[in-house]
Amino acid sequence: MEKIERGLEVMAELVEEMRRDRKEERRWEKEREEERERWKKERDEERKRWEKEIDEMRERWKKERETERERWDRIMNKDKEVWEYLRTFDVIGLTETWIEESKWERVKHSVTSCDILSRPGHTPRTGWQPDVLTPSLRTFNSLKSRS
């Protein structure tokens, strides 16, 4: 009988120890789950913060591109307005004007209604001189018809 009682006591101790171990395992599991949830929450908050920052940067870049495009459009329209204004004159004389060749090519293509007389040269004071613009024969004929 004593052996049976002793066996039951040992078994009760083992069961109690197993319960304590299981309880401790559940506590650890709960702590791990809480830690995992905390990490997920931090990761999600970090991701949201980055997404917000990226969206703000995209908006800023979009506004900058729009501003740059508007500025470029104003410059290009101003260029057109200047050429329209210059076309109202009968004669335009450019003297001792220095201009880079690449820009002069743009000017040549913008004034197709004029004959271009060329006298390029290099002088110490002015550098390269562009071609001389004179009205075309069509312009003179249109002037005669106006009179």
Foldseek 3Di string as FASTA:
>chain_A
DVVVVVVVVVVVVVVVVVVVVVVVVVVVVVVVVVVVVVVVVVVVVVVVVVVVVVVVVVVVVVVVVVVVVVVVVVVVVVVVVVLVVVVVDQFDWDDLDDDDPVVVVVVCVSPPQWDWAADWDQDPVRGTDGTTTHGDPVSVVVVVVVD
